[in-house]
PDB file of N, CA and C in Angstrom:
ATOM      1  N   MET A   1     -40.355 -79.018  24.469  1.00  0.00           N
ATOM      2  CA  MET A   1     -41.209 -79.646  23.489  1.00  0.00           C
ATOM      3  C   MET A   1     -41.411 -78.675  22.336  1.00  0.00           C
ATOM      4  N   VAL A   2     -41.305 -79.214  21.133  1.00  0.00           N
ATOM      5  CA  VAL A   2     -41.503 -78.424  19.919  1.00  0.00           C
ATOM      6  C   VAL A   2     -42.475 -79.172  19.007  1.00  0.00           C
ATOM      7  N   PRO A   3     -43.770 -78.819  19.052  1.00  0.00           N
ATOM      8  CA  PRO A   3     -44.688 -79.426  18.101  1.00  0.00           C
ATOM      9  C   PRO A   3     -44.533 -78.704  16.762  1.00  0.00           C
ATOM     10  N   ALA A   4     -44.591 -79.442  15.647  1.00  0.00           N
ATOM     11  CA  ALA A   4     -44.326 -78.798  14.365  1.00  0.00           C
ATOM     12  C   ALA A   4     -45.094 -79.439  13.221  1.00  0.00           C
ATOM     13  N   ALA A   5     -45.327 -78.617  12.198  1.00  0.00           N
ATOM     14  CA  ALA A   5     -45.913 -79.072  10.925  1.00  0.00           C
ATOM     15  C   ALA A   5     -45.338 -78.154   9.850  1.00  0.00           C
ATOM     16  N   PHE A   6     -44.119 -78.433   9.420  1.00  0.00           N
ATOM     17  CA  PHE A   6     -43.428 -77.605   8.440  1.00  0.00           C
ATOM     18  C   PHE A   6     -43.510 -78.212   7.049  1.00  0.00           C
ATOM     19  N   SER A   7     -43.417 -77.344   6.058  1.00  0.00           N
ATOM     20  CA  SER A   7     -43.399 -77.815   4.674  1.00  0.00           C
ATOM     21  C   SER A   7     -42.113 -78.583   4.390  1.00  0.00           C
ATOM     22  N   VAL A   8     -42.149 -79.422   3.385  1.00  0.00           N
ATOM     23  CA  VAL A   8     -41.003 -80.268   3.060  1.00  0.00           C
ATOM     24  C   VAL A   8     -39.734 -79.457   2.768  1.00  0.00           C
ATOM     25  N   PRO A   9     -39.750 -78.447   1.869  1.00  0.00           N
ATOM     26  CA  PRO A   9     -38.491 -77.736   1.567  1.00  0.00           C
ATOM     27  C   PRO A   9     -37.874 -77.047   2.788  1.00  0.00           C
ATOM     28  N   THR A  10     -38.705 -76.381   3.576  1.00  0.00           N
ATOM     29  CA  THR A  10     -38.195 -75.673   4.764  1.00  0.00           C
ATOM     30  C   THR A  10     -37.644 -76.655   5.783  1.00  0.00           C
ATOM     31  N   ARG A  11     -38.361 -77.711   6.028  1.00  0.00           N
ATOM     32  CA  ARG A  11     -37.945 -78.681   7.037  1.00  0.00           C
ATOM     33  C   ARG A  11     -36.671 -79.386   6.617  1.00  0.00           C
ATOM     34  N   GLN A  12     -36.564 -79.796   5.367  1.00  0.00           N
ATOM     35  CA  GLN A  12     -35.361 -80.494   4.923  1.00  0.00           C
ATOM     36  C   GLN A  12     -34.124 -79.621   5.087  1.00  0.00           C
ATOM     37  N   ALA A  13     -34.261 -78.328   4.859  1.00  0.00           N
ATOM     38  CA  ALA A  13     -33.117 -77.421   4.931  1.00  0.00           C
ATOM     39  C   ALA A  13     -32.742 -77.055   6.365  1.00  0.00           C
ATOM     40  N   HIS A  14     -33.729 -76.964   7.266  1.00  0.00           N
ATOM     41  CA  HIS A  14     -33.462 -76.346   8.568  1.00  0.00           C
ATOM     42  C   HIS A  14     -33.824 -77.158   9.807  1.00  0.00           C
ATOM     43  N   TRP A  15     -34.592 -78.210   9.688  1.00  0.00           N
ATOM     44  CA  TRP A  15     -35.148 -78.915  10.849  1.00  0.00           C
ATOM     45  C   TRP A  15     -34.097 -79.299  11.878  1.00  0.00           C
ATOM     46  N   HIS A  16     -33.111 -80.092  11.526  1.00  0.00           N
ATOM     47  CA  HIS A  16     -32.100 -80.542  12.489  1.00  0.00           C
ATOM     48  C   HIS A  16     -31.250 -79.383  12.995  1.00  0.00           C
ATOM     49  N   VAL A  17     -30.851 -78.505  12.124  1.00  0.00           N
ATOM     50  CA  VAL A  17     -29.973 -77.388  12.512  1.00  0.00           C
ATOM     51  C   VAL A  17     -30.644 -76.503  13.556  1.00  0.00           C
ATOM     52  N   LEU A  18     -31.878 -76.109  13.320  1.00  0.00           N
ATOM     53  CA  LEU A  18     -32.561 -75.215  14.256  1.00  0.00           C
ATOM     54  C   LEU A  18     -32.829 -75.894  15.597  1.00  0.00           C
ATOM     55  N   LEU A  19     -33.225 -77.141  15.572  1.00  0.00           N
ATOM     56  CA  LEU A  19     -33.496 -77.841  16.826  1.00  0.00           C
ATOM     57  C   LEU A  19     -32.221 -78.081  17.630  1.00  0.00           C
ATOM     58  N   ARG A  20     -31.152 -78.447  16.963  1.00  0.00           N
ATOM     59  CA  ARG A  20     -29.872 -78.631  17.659  1.00  0.00           C
ATOM     60  C   ARG A  20     -29.414 -77.309  18.266  1.00  0.00           C
ATOM     61  N   THR A  21     -29.627 -76.216  17.554  1.00  0.00           N
ATOM     62  CA  THR A  21     -29.273 -74.889  18.072  1.00  0.00           C
ATOM     63  C   THR A  21     -30.060 -74.576  19.333  1.00  0.00           C
ATOM     64  N   ARG A  22     -31.379 -74.839  19.338  1.00  0.00           N
ATOM     65  CA  ARG A  22     -32.195 -74.578  20.533  1.00  0.00           C
ATOM     66  C   ARG A  22     -31.693 -75.393  21.717  1.00  0.00           C
ATOM     67  N   ALA A  23     -31.322 -76.650  21.501  1.00  0.00           N
ATOM     68  CA  ALA A  23     -30.828 -77.494  22.587  1.00  0.00           C
ATOM     69  C   ALA A  23     -29.536 -76.923  23.166  1.00  0.00           C
ATOM     70  N   ILE A  24     -28.612 -76.542  22.289  1.00  0.00           N
ATOM     71  CA  ILE A  24     -27.317 -76.023  22.744  1.00  0.00           C
ATOM     72  C   ILE A  24     -27.467 -74.695  23.464  1.00  0.00           C
ATOM     73  N   GLU A  25     -28.233 -73.774  22.894  1.00  0.00           N
ATOM     74  CA  GLU A  25     -28.304 -72.442  23.490  1.00  0.00           C
ATOM     75  C   GLU A  25     -29.085 -72.413  24.798  1.00  0.00           C
ATOM     76  N   THR A  26     -29.924 -73.412  25.052  1.00  0.00           N
ATOM     77  CA  THR A  26     -30.668 -73.456  26.313  1.00  0.00           C
ATOM     78  C   THR A  26     -30.123 -74.503  27.277  1.00  0.00           C
ATOM     79  N   GLY A  27     -29.221 -75.357  26.797  1.00  0.00           N
ATOM     80  CA  GLY A  27     -28.714 -76.437  27.641  1.00  0.00           C
ATOM     81  C   GLY A  27     -29.823 -77.382  28.058  1.00  0.00           C
ATOM     82  N   SER A  28     -30.742 -77.642  27.134  1.00  0.00           N
ATOM     83  CA  SER A  28     -31.922 -78.456  27.431  1.00  0.00           C
ATOM     84  C   SER A  28     -32.083 -79.573  26.416  1.00  0.00           C
ATOM     85  N   TYR A  29     -32.825 -80.582  26.806  1.00  0.00           N
ATOM     86  CA  TYR A  29     -33.268 -81.570  25.828  1.00  0.00           C
ATOM     87  C   TYR A  29     -34.332 -80.906  24.966  1.00  0.00           C
ATOM     88  N   VAL A  30     -34.346 -81.220  23.692  1.00  0.00           N
ATOM     89  CA  VAL A  30     -35.398 -80.769  22.784  1.00  0.00           C
ATOM     90  C   VAL A  30     -36.102 -82.015  22.264  1.00  0.00           C
ATOM     91  N   ILE A  31     -37.394 -82.040  22.471  1.00  0.00           N
ATOM     92  CA  ILE A  31     -38.225 -83.135  21.986  1.00  0.00           C
ATOM     93  C   ILE A  31     -39.178 -82.528  20.973  1.00  0.00           C
ATOM     94  N   ALA A  32     -38.964 -82.858  19.695  1.00  0.00           N
ATOM     95  CA  ALA A  32     -39.717 -82.244  18.614  1.00  0.00           C
ATOM     96  C   ALA A  32     -40.630 -83.273  17.956  1.00  0.00           C
ATOM     97  N   ALA A  33     -41.912 -83.113  18.185  1.00  0.00           N
ATOM     98  CA  ALA A  33     -42.920 -83.990  17.590  1.00  0.00           C
ATOM     99  C   ALA A  33     -43.419 -83.325  16.316  1.00  0.00           C
ATOM    100  N   ALA A  34     -43.263 -83.998  15.200  1.00  0.00           N
ATOM    101  CA  ALA A  34     -43.572 -83.380  13.910  1.00  0.00           C
ATOM    102  C   ALA A  34     -44.627 -84.169  13.145  1.00  0.00           C
ATOM    103  N   GLN A  35     -45.610 -83.440  12.629  1.00  0.00           N
ATOM    104  CA  GLN A  35     -46.593 -84.068  11.743  1.00  0.00           C
ATOM    105  C   GLN A  35     -45.909 -84.452  10.444  1.00  0.00           C
ATOM    106  N   GLY A  36     -46.435 -85.443   9.772  1.00  0.00           N
ATOM    107  CA  GLY A  36     -45.884 -85.838   8.486  1.00  0.00           C
ATOM    108  C   GLY A  36     -46.969 -86.277   7.530  1.00  0.00           C
ATOM    109  N   GLY A  37     -46.639 -86.285   6.265  1.00  0.00           N
ATOM    110  CA  GLY A  37     -47.572 -86.758   5.251  1.00  0.00           C
ATOM    111  C   GLY A  37     -48.195 -85.626   4.461  1.00  0.00           C
ATOM    112  N   GLN A  38     -49.425 -85.839   4.021  1.00  0.00           N
ATOM    113  CA  GLN A  38     -50.132 -84.859   3.199  1.00  0.00           C
ATOM    114  C   GLN A  38     -51.291 -84.265   3.988  1.00  0.00           C
ATOM    115  N   HIS A  39     -51.419 -82.944   3.972  1.00  0.00           N
ATOM    116  CA  HIS A  39     -52.590 -82.296   4.555  1.00  0.00           C
ATOM    117  C   HIS A  39     -53.720 -82.354   3.550  1.00  0.00           C
ATOM    118  N   ALA A  40     -54.920 -82.099   4.004  1.00  0.00           N
ATOM    119  CA  ALA A  40     -56.097 -82.153   3.135  1.00  0.00           C
ATOM    120  C   ALA A  40     -55.986 -81.193   1.951  1.00  0.00           C
ATOM    121  N   ASN A  41     -55.269 -80.087   2.146  1.00  0.00           N
ATOM    122  CA  ASN A  41     -55.120 -79.115   1.061  1.00  0.00           C
ATOM    123  C   ASN A  41     -54.028 -79.517   0.061  1.00  0.00           C
ATOM    124  N   GLY A  42     -53.394 -80.661   0.275  1.00  0.00           N
ATOM    125  CA  GLY A  42     -52.389 -81.163  -0.649  1.00  0.00           C
ATOM    126  C   GLY A  42     -50.960 -80.818  -0.300  1.00  0.00           C
ATOM    127  N   SER A  43     -50.749 -79.980   0.711  1.00  0.00           N
ATOM    128  CA  SER A  43     -49.377 -79.618   1.071  1.00  0.00           C
ATOM    129  C   SER A  43     -48.666 -80.785   1.745  1.00  0.00           C
ATOM    130  N   ALA A  44     -47.396 -80.959   1.388  1.00  0.00           N
ATOM    131  CA  ALA A  44     -46.581 -82.032   1.953  1.00  0.00           C
ATOM    132  C   ALA A  44     -45.950 -81.566   3.257  1.00  0.00           C
ATOM    133  N   ILE A  45     -46.105 -82.366   4.290  1.00  0.00           N
ATOM    134  CA  ILE A  45     -45.555 -82.049   5.610  1.00  0.00           C
ATOM    135  C   ILE A  45     -44.458 -83.062   5.905  1.00  0.00           C
ATOM    136  N   TYR A  46     -43.329 -82.579   6.425  1.00  0.00           N
ATOM    137  CA  TYR A  46     -42.078 -83.325   6.490  1.00  0.00           C
ATOM    138  C   TYR A  46     -42.027 -84.465   7.498  1.00  0.00           C
ATOM    139  N   GLY A  47     -42.561 -84.317   8.692  1.00  0.00           N
ATOM    140  CA  GLY A  47     -42.448 -85.363   9.713  1.00  0.00           C
ATOM    141  C   GLY A  47     -41.074 -85.397  10.353  1.00  0.00           C
ATOM    142  N   TYR A  48     -40.540 -86.575  10.580  1.00  0.00           N
ATOM    143  CA  TYR A  48     -39.198 -86.770  11.123  1.00  0.00           C
ATOM    144  C   TYR A  48     -39.041 -86.203  12.541  1.00  0.00           C
ATOM    145  N   SER A  49     -39.826 -86.705  13.481  1.00  0.00           N
ATOM    146  CA  SER A  49     -39.708 -86.316  14.886  1.00  0.00           C
ATOM    147  C   SER A  49     -38.313 -86.646  15.392  1.00  0.00           C
ATOM    148  N   ILE A  50     -37.874 -85.902  16.427  1.00  0.00           N
ATOM    149  CA  ILE A  50     -36.482 -86.031  16.869  1.00  0.00           C
ATOM    150  C   ILE A  50     -36.337 -85.649  18.345  1.00  0.00           C
ATOM    151  N   ILE A  51     -35.373 -86.253  19.019  1.00  0.00           N
ATOM    152  CA  ILE A  51     -35.013 -85.888  20.391  1.00  0.00           C
ATOM    153  C   ILE A  51     -33.521 -85.571  20.388  1.00  0.00           C
ATOM    154  N   ILE A  52     -33.167 -84.417  20.956  1.00  0.00           N
ATOM    155  CA  ILE A  52     -31.780 -83.931  20.947  1.00  0.00           C
ATOM    156  C   ILE A  52     -31.356 -83.624  22.376  1.00  0.00           C
ATOM    157  N   ASP A  53     -30.126 -83.995  22.730  1.00  0.00           N
ATOM    158  CA  ASP A  53     -29.637 -83.751  24.089  1.00  0.00           C
ATOM    159  C   ASP A  53     -29.115 -82.313  24.229  1.00  0.00           C
ATOM    160  N   PRO A  54     -28.804 -81.886  25.460  1.00  0.00           N
ATOM    161  CA  PRO A  54     -28.382 -80.499  25.694  1.00  0.00           C
ATOM    162  C   PRO A  54     -27.071 -80.110  25.009  1.00  0.00           C
ATOM    163  N   TRP A  55     -26.310 -81.059  24.548  1.00  0.00           N
ATOM    164  CA  TRP A  55     -25.060 -80.754  23.858  1.00  0.00           C
ATOM    165  C   TRP A  55     -25.253 -80.722  22.339  1.00  0.00           C
ATOM    166  N   GLY A  56     -26.486 -80.978  21.900  1.00  0.00           N
ATOM    167  CA  GLY A  56     -26.807 -80.913  20.482  1.00  0.00           C
ATOM    168  C   GLY A  56     -26.718 -82.221  19.740  1.00  0.00           C
ATOM    169  N   HIS A  57     -26.525 -83.317  20.460  1.00  0.00           N
ATOM    170  CA  HIS A  57     -26.442 -84.630  19.816  1.00  0.00           C
ATOM    171  C   HIS A  57     -27.840 -85.211  19.628  1.00  0.00           C
ATOM    172  N   ILE A  58     -28.071 -85.822  18.503  1.00  0.00           N
ATOM    173  CA  ILE A  58     -29.343 -86.474  18.237  1.00  0.00           C
ATOM    174  C   ILE A  58     -29.385 -87.783  19.020  1.00  0.00           C
ATOM    175  N   VAL A  59     -30.366 -87.894  19.904  1.00  0.00           N
ATOM    176  CA  VAL A  59     -30.516 -89.067  20.762  1.00  0.00           C
ATOM    177  C   VAL A  59     -31.395 -90.112  20.088  1.00  0.00           C
ATOM    178  N   ALA A  60     -32.454 -89.654  19.422  1.00  0.00           N
ATOM    179  CA  ALA A  60     -33.373 -90.566  18.728  1.00  0.00           C
ATOM    180  C   ALA A  60     -34.096 -89.779  17.645  1.00  0.00           C
ATOM    181  N   LYS A  61     -34.475 -90.483  16.571  1.00  0.00           N
ATOM    182  CA  LYS A  61     -35.216 -89.809  15.505  1.00  0.00           C
ATOM    183  C   LYS A  61     -36.036 -90.815  14.726  1.00  0.00           C
ATOM    184  N   LEU A  62     -37.110 -90.328  14.151  1.00  0.00           N
ATOM    185  CA  LEU A  62     -37.900 -91.117  13.224  1.00  0.00           C
ATOM    186  C   LEU A  62     -37.472 -90.694  11.827  1.00  0.00           C
ATOM    187  N   ASP A  63     -37.117 -91.630  10.998  1.00  0.00           N
ATOM    188  CA  ASP A  63     -36.662 -91.332   9.636  1.00  0.00           C
ATOM    189  C   ASP A  63     -37.776 -91.519   8.621  1.00  0.00           C
ATOM    190  N   HIS A  64     -38.970 -91.034   8.977  1.00  0.00           N
ATOM    191  CA  HIS A  64     -40.102 -91.168   8.063  1.00  0.00           C
ATOM    192  C   HIS A  64     -41.180 -90.153   8.421  1.00  0.00           C
ATOM    193  N   GLU A  65     -42.191 -90.105   7.583  1.00  0.00           N
ATOM    194  CA  GLU A  65     -43.301 -89.178   7.761  1.00  0.00           C
ATOM    195  C   GLU A  65     -44.537 -89.862   8.331  1.00  0.00           C
ATOM    196  N   GLU A  66     -44.467 -91.153   8.550  1.00  0.00           N
ATOM    197  CA  GLU A  66     -45.608 -91.935   9.022  1.00  0.00           C
ATOM    198  C   GLU A  66     -45.789 -91.775  10.531  1.00  0.00           C
ATOM    199  N   PRO A  67     -46.984 -92.073  11.043  1.00  0.00           N
ATOM    200  CA  PRO A  67     -47.178 -92.049  12.493  1.00  0.00           C
ATOM    201  C   PRO A  67     -46.204 -93.005  13.169  1.00  0.00           C
ATOM    202  N   GLY A  68     -45.753 -92.652  14.340  1.00  0.00           N
ATOM    203  CA  GLY A  68     -44.822 -93.503  15.063  1.00  0.00           C
ATOM    204  C   GLY A  68     -44.631 -93.031  16.485  1.00  0.00           C
ATOM    205  N   VAL A  69     -43.889 -93.790  17.233  1.00  0.00           N
ATOM    206  CA  VAL A  69     -43.567 -93.474  18.625  1.00  0.00           C
ATOM    207  C   VAL A  69     -42.061 -93.380  18.734  1.00  0.00           C
ATOM    208  N   LEU A  70     -41.599 -92.331  19.361  1.00  0.00           N
ATOM    209  CA  LEU A  70     -40.174 -92.104  19.547  1.00  0.00           C
ATOM    210  C   LEU A  70     -39.888 -92.066  21.036  1.00  0.00           C
ATOM    211  N   VAL A  71     -38.953 -92.895  21.482  1.00  0.00           N
ATOM    212  CA  VAL A  71     -38.631 -93.011  22.899  1.00  0.00           C
ATOM    213  C   VAL A  71     -37.123 -92.880  23.077  1.00  0.00           C
ATOM    214  N   ALA A  72     -36.722 -92.158  24.119  1.00  0.00           N
ATOM    215  CA  ALA A  72     -35.297 -92.031  24.437  1.00  0.00           C
ATOM    216  C   ALA A  72     -35.135 -91.855  25.935  1.00  0.00           C
ATOM    217  N   GLU A  73     -34.014 -92.296  26.440  1.00  0.00           N
ATOM    218  CA  GLU A  73     -33.694 -92.088  27.853  1.00  0.00           C
ATOM    219  C   GLU A  73     -33.128 -90.685  28.017  1.00  0.00           C
ATOM    220  N   ILE A  74     -33.652 -89.972  28.992  1.00  0.00           N
ATOM    221  CA  ILE A  74     -33.213 -88.608  29.278  1.00  0.00           C
ATOM    222  C   ILE A  74     -32.296 -88.648  30.502  1.00  0.00           C
ATOM    223  N   ALA A  75     -31.079 -88.167  30.352  1.00  0.00           N
ATOM    224  CA  ALA A  75     -30.118 -88.113  31.458  1.00  0.00           C
ATOM    225  C   ALA A  75     -30.110 -86.690  32.019  1.00  0.00           C
ATOM    226  N   VAL A  76     -30.818 -86.490  33.098  1.00  0.00           N
ATOM    227  CA  VAL A  76     -30.980 -85.163  33.683  1.00  0.00           C
ATOM    228  C   VAL A  76     -29.638 -84.517  34.014  1.00  0.00           C
ATOM    229  N   ASP A  77     -28.650 -85.307  34.405  1.00  0.00           N
ATOM    230  CA  ASP A  77     -27.343 -84.745  34.747  1.00  0.00           C
ATOM    231  C   ASP A  77     -26.677 -84.080  33.541  1.00  0.00           C
ATOM    232  N   GLN A  78     -27.050 -84.464  32.319  1.00  0.00           N
ATOM    233  CA  GLN A  78     -26.479 -83.825  31.131  1.00  0.00           C
ATOM    234  C   GLN A  78     -26.906 -82.367  31.004  1.00  0.00           C
ATOM    235  N   VAL A  79     -28.065 -82.028  31.538  1.00  0.00           N
ATOM    236  CA  VAL A  79     -28.532 -80.640  31.497  1.00  0.00           C
ATOM    237  C   VAL A  79     -27.587 -79.765  32.315  1.00  0.00           C
ATOM    238  N   ALA A  80     -27.320 -80.144  33.549  1.00  0.00           N
ATOM    239  CA  ALA A  80     -26.409 -79.373  34.401  1.00  0.00           C
ATOM    240  C   ALA A  80     -25.018 -79.321  33.798  1.00  0.00           C
ATOM    241  N   ASN A  81     -24.553 -80.430  33.251  1.00  0.00           N
ATOM    242  CA  ASN A  81     -23.229 -80.482  32.653  1.00  0.00           C
ATOM    243  C   ASN A  81     -23.122 -79.520  31.468  1.00  0.00           C
ATOM    244  N   ALA A  82     -24.105 -79.533  30.584  1.00  0.00           N
ATOM    245  CA  ALA A  82     -24.081 -78.639  29.416  1.00  0.00           C
ATOM    246  C   ALA A  82     -24.140 -77.184  29.841  1.00  0.00           C
ATOM    247  N   ARG A  83     -24.945 -76.886  30.834  1.00  0.00           N
ATOM    248  CA  ARG A  83     -25.080 -75.496  31.290  1.00  0.00           C
ATOM    249  C   ARG A  83     -23.818 -74.993  31.985  1.00  0.00           C
ATOM    250  N   GLU A  84     -23.068 -75.884  32.598  1.00  0.00           N
ATOM    251  CA  GLU A  84     -21.782 -75.505  33.186  1.00  0.00           C
ATOM    252  C   GLU A  84     -20.746 -75.246  32.096  1.00  0.00           C
ATOM    253  N   ARG A  85     -20.778 -76.040  31.039  1.00  0.00           N
ATOM    254  CA  ARG A  85     -19.792 -75.926  29.963  1.00  0.00           C
ATOM    255  C   ARG A  85     -20.055 -74.728  29.053  1.00  0.00           C
ATOM    256  N   ILE A  86     -21.312 -74.344  28.909  1.00  0.00           N
ATOM    257  CA  ILE A  86     -21.687 -73.159  28.131  1.00  0.00           C
ATOM    258  C   ILE A  86     -22.592 -72.316  29.027  1.00  0.00           C
ATOM    259  N   PRO A  87     -22.013 -71.454  29.832  1.00  0.00           N
ATOM    260  CA  PRO A  87     -22.776 -70.752  30.866  1.00  0.00           C
ATOM    261  C   PRO A  87     -23.555 -69.527  30.383  1.00  0.00           C
ATOM    262  N   ALA A  88     -24.046 -69.538  29.160  1.00  0.00           N
ATOM    263  CA  ALA A  88     -24.767 -68.377  28.628  1.00  0.00           C
ATOM    264  C   ALA A  88     -25.975 -68.010  29.490  1.00  0.00           C
ATOM    265  N   LEU A  89     -26.703 -68.999  29.980  1.00  0.00           N
ATOM    266  CA  LEU A  89     -27.888 -68.698  30.783  1.00  0.00           C
ATOM    267  C   LEU A  89     -27.522 -68.040  32.110  1.00  0.00           C
ATOM    268  N   ALA A  90     -26.381 -68.372  32.673  1.00  0.00           N
ATOM    269  CA  ALA A  90     -25.949 -67.770  33.933  1.00  0.00           C
ATOM    270  C   ALA A  90     -25.611 -66.297  33.750  1.00  0.00           C
ATOM    271  N   ASN A  91     -25.294 -65.898  32.525  1.00  0.00           N
ATOM    272  CA  ASN A  91     -24.932 -64.508  32.245  1.00  0.00           C
ATOM    273  C   ASN A  91     -26.116 -63.639  31.848  1.00  0.00           C
ATOM    274  N   ALA A  92     -27.303 -64.207  31.806  1.00  0.00           N
ATOM    275  CA  ALA A  92     -28.492 -63.434  31.423  1.00  0.00           C
ATOM    276  C   ALA A  92     -28.810 -62.421  32.505  1.00  0.00           C
ATOM    277  N   CYS A  93     -29.231 -61.256  32.089  1.00  0.00           N
ATOM    278  CA  CYS A  93     -29.603 -60.242  33.083  1.00  0.00           C
ATOM    279  C   CYS A  93     -31.087 -60.392  33.391  1.00  0.00           C
ATOM    280  N   ASN A  94     -31.437 -60.108  34.613  1.00  0.00           N
ATOM    281  CA  ASN A  94     -32.837 -60.147  35.025  1.00  0.00           C
ATOM    282  C   ASN A  94     -33.427 -58.765  34.804  1.00  0.00           C
ATOM    283  N   PHE A  95     -34.321 -58.666  33.840  1.00  0.00           N
ATOM    284  CA  PHE A  95     -34.938 -57.390  33.502  1.00  0.00           C
ATOM    285  C   PHE A  95     -36.238 -57.249  34.263  1.00  0.00           C
ATOM    286  N   ALA A  96     -36.353 -56.197  35.011  1.00  0.00           N
ATOM    287  CA  ALA A  96     -37.589 -55.897  35.710  1.00  0.00           C
ATOM    288  C   ALA A  96     -38.282 -54.770  34.966  1.00  0.00           C
ATOM    289  N   ALA A  97     -39.457 -55.051  34.438  1.00  0.00           N
ATOM    290  CA  ALA A  97     -40.204 -54.021  33.690  1.00  0.00           C
ATOM    291  C   ALA A  97     -40.661 -52.930  34.632  1.00  0.00           C
ATOM    292  N   PRO A  98     -40.586 -51.680  34.192  1.00  0.00           N
ATOM    293  CA  PRO A  98     -41.109 -50.588  35.014  1.00  0.00           C
ATOM    294  C   PRO A  98     -42.597 -50.803  35.291  1.00  0.00           C
ATOM    295  N   GLU A  99     -43.034 -50.375  36.448  1.00  0.00           N
ATOM    296  CA  GLU A  99     -44.429 -50.563  36.868  1.00  0.00           C
ATOM    297  C   GLU A  99     -45.405 -50.024  35.826  1.00  0.00           C
ATOM    298  N   SER A 100     -45.035 -48.932  35.141  1.00  0.00           N
ATOM    299  CA  SER A 100     -45.922 -48.323  34.155  1.00  0.00           C
ATOM    300  C   SER A 100     -46.201 -49.257  32.973  1.00  0.00           C
ATOM    301  N   LEU A 101     -45.282 -50.175  32.680  1.00  0.00           N
ATOM    302  CA  LEU A 101     -45.486 -51.106  31.578  1.00  0.00           C
ATOM    303  C   LEU A 101     -46.368 -52.291  31.977  1.00  0.00           C
ATOM    304  N   LEU A 102     -46.490 -52.517  33.267  1.00  0.00           N
ATOM    305  CA  LEU A 102     -47.246 -53.660  33.751  1.00  0.00           C
ATOM    306  C   LEU A 102     -48.735 -53.379  33.891  1.00  0.00           C
ATOM    307  N   SER A 103     -49.138 -52.096  33.843  1.00  0.00           N
ATOM    308  CA  SER A 103     -50.557 -51.792  34.009  1.00  0.00           C
ATOM    309  C   SER A 103     -51.257 -51.584  32.703  1.00  0.00           C
TER     310      SER A 103
END
């Protein structure tokens, strides 16, 4: 889950790219709920909530800044499939902090 309230210029340039990257690199579904419209201080907030599958494909999206509900079917088997095809998580090392850092 990625709750967000980004400005219009930043979101337009990076929203889909960054979320698709998170889905691919973790082999997970990304469900990004985004505020939209105008804040009380006048800043414009982008909106455009989105759901992305573990392979980086957009499953569902809202193409507006208005309140709405976004629903998509989640295929759990796609998580295992993506993680097998890009095994980056399997190659992660398990770091154990020295006891002195834990106190």
